[in-house]
C-alpha atoms as a PDB file:
ATOM      1  CA  MET A   1      44.627 -53.366 132.252  1.00  0.00           C
ATOM      2  CA  ASN A   2      40.915 -52.200 129.353  1.00  0.00           C
ATOM      3  CA  GLU A   3      38.335 -54.523 129.848  1.00  0.00           C
ATOM      4  CA  PHE A   4      35.118 -55.051 128.145  1.00  0.00           C
ATOM      5  CA  LYS A   5      31.776 -56.894 126.286  1.00  0.00           C
ATOM      6  CA  LYS A   6      30.264 -57.882 123.319  1.00  0.00           C
ATOM      7  CA  GLY A   7      28.825 -55.508 121.689  1.00  0.00           C
ATOM      8  CA  ASP A   8      30.831 -52.232 123.447  1.00  0.00           C
ATOM      9  CA  ALA A   9      31.970 -50.099 120.906  1.00  0.00           C
ATOM     10  CA  VAL A  10      35.837 -49.015 120.544  1.00  0.00           C
ATOM     11  CA  GLU A  11      38.021 -47.650 118.273  1.00  0.00           C
ATOM     12  CA  TRP A  12      42.585 -48.182 117.327  1.00  0.00           C
ATOM     13  CA  ASN A  13      44.623 -47.158 115.361  1.00  0.00           C
ATOM     14  CA  THR A  14      46.282 -48.133 111.785  1.00  0.00           C
ATOM     15  CA  PRO A  15      48.571 -46.778 109.175  1.00  0.00           C
ATOM     16  CA  GLN A  16      44.872 -45.572 107.880  1.00  0.00           C
ATOM     17  CA  GLY A  17      43.768 -43.970 110.857  1.00  0.00           C
ATOM     18  CA  THR A  18      41.784 -44.615 112.652  1.00  0.00           C
ATOM     19  CA  THR A  19      39.237 -47.629 112.765  1.00  0.00           C
ATOM     20  CA  LYS A  20      36.119 -48.022 114.819  1.00  0.00           C
ATOM     21  CA  GLY A  21      33.929 -50.543 115.342  1.00  0.00           C
ATOM     22  CA  LYS A  22      32.439 -53.749 118.238  1.00  0.00           C
ATOM     23  CA  ILE A  23      33.607 -56.372 120.339  1.00  0.00           C
ATOM     24  CA  VAL A  24      33.040 -59.860 119.227  1.00  0.00           C
ATOM     25  CA  LYS A  25      34.273 -62.094 122.007  1.00  0.00           C
ATOM     26  CA  LYS A  26      37.249 -62.489 124.800  1.00  0.00           C
ATOM     27  CA  HIS A  27      40.438 -64.647 124.026  1.00  0.00           C
ATOM     28  CA  THR A  28      42.100 -66.320 126.750  1.00  0.00           C
ATOM     29  CA  GLN A  29      43.151 -69.280 124.865  1.00  0.00           C
ATOM     30  CA  PRO A  30      45.620 -69.545 122.430  1.00  0.00           C
ATOM     31  CA  THR A  31      42.953 -69.605 118.944  1.00  0.00           C
ATOM     32  CA  LYS A  32      42.972 -68.714 115.319  1.00  0.00           C
ATOM     33  CA  ILE A  33      41.119 -66.397 113.575  1.00  0.00           C
ATOM     34  CA  LYS A  34      41.208 -66.118 109.436  1.00  0.00           C
ATOM     35  CA  ASN A  35      44.127 -68.858 109.839  1.00  0.00           C
ATOM     36  CA  HIS A  36      45.831 -66.394 111.717  1.00  0.00           C
ATOM     37  CA  LYS A  37      47.414 -67.715 114.885  1.00  0.00           C
ATOM     38  CA  VAL A  38      46.051 -65.843 118.497  1.00  0.00           C
ATOM     39  CA  ALA A  39      48.347 -66.285 121.194  1.00  0.00           C
ATOM     40  CA  ALA A  40      45.953 -65.277 123.258  1.00  0.00           C
ATOM     41  CA  SER A  41      45.408 -66.209 127.047  1.00  0.00           C
ATOM     42  CA  LYS A  42      44.284 -65.579 130.414  1.00  0.00           C
ATOM     43  CA  ASP A  43      46.991 -63.291 131.308  1.00  0.00           C
ATOM     44  CA  SER A  44      47.217 -62.100 127.745  1.00  0.00           C
ATOM     45  CA  PRO A  45      43.599 -61.890 126.405  1.00  0.00           C
ATOM     46  CA  GLU A  46      43.076 -60.135 122.860  1.00  0.00           C
ATOM     47  CA  TYR A  47      39.708 -59.922 121.463  1.00  0.00           C
ATOM     48  CA  GLU A  48      37.587 -59.999 118.718  1.00  0.00           C
ATOM     49  CA  VAL A  49      36.995 -57.448 116.422  1.00  0.00           C
ATOM     50  CA  LYS A  50      34.604 -56.647 113.529  1.00  0.00           C
ATOM     51  CA  SER A  51      35.740 -53.704 112.125  1.00  0.00           C
ATOM     52  CA  GLU A  52      32.757 -50.711 110.726  1.00  0.00           C
ATOM     53  CA  SER A  53      34.204 -49.929 107.740  1.00  0.00           C
ATOM     54  CA  THR A  54      35.031 -53.603 106.307  1.00  0.00           C
ATOM     55  CA  GLY A  55      33.195 -56.093 108.759  1.00  0.00           C
ATOM     56  CA  ASN A  56      37.190 -57.993 108.759  1.00  0.00           C
ATOM     57  CA  VAL A  57      37.456 -59.635 112.066  1.00  0.00           C
ATOM     58  CA  ALA A  58      40.247 -59.432 113.693  1.00  0.00           C
ATOM     59  CA  ALA A  59      42.243 -59.553 117.612  1.00  0.00           C
ATOM     60  CA  HIS A  60      43.549 -56.474 118.950  1.00  0.00           C
ATOM     61  CA  LYS A  61      44.836 -56.706 123.027  1.00  0.00           C
ATOM     62  CA  PRO A  62      43.424 -54.998 125.465  1.00  0.00           C
ATOM     63  CA  GLU A  63      45.918 -51.720 125.179  1.00  0.00           C
ATOM     64  CA  SER A  64      45.197 -51.149 121.135  1.00  0.00           C
ATOM     65  CA  LEU A  65      41.899 -50.652 121.593  1.00  0.00           C
ATOM     66  CA  LYS A  66      39.671 -47.850 123.499  1.00  0.00           C
ATOM     67  CA  LYS A  67      35.806 -47.241 123.847  1.00  0.00           C
ATOM     68  CA  ASP A  68      34.175 -45.468 121.085  1.00  0.00           C
ATOM     69  CA  SER A  69      32.933 -42.136 122.058  1.00  0.00           C
END
């Protein structure tokens, strides 16, 4: 599993292409981000990521992220 820490630069795929951003926080408990449920747990964490291009924040599973080179 990919491990990231706050401030890491990452990228992920979207229908519009590759997007870049930074890790804001690792979630290990269920939470909400902008009224969207995030089903995170210790066994299945999700990362809160802020998009570089839009400034939007969303949760992503570690396998969908990779470190930005």
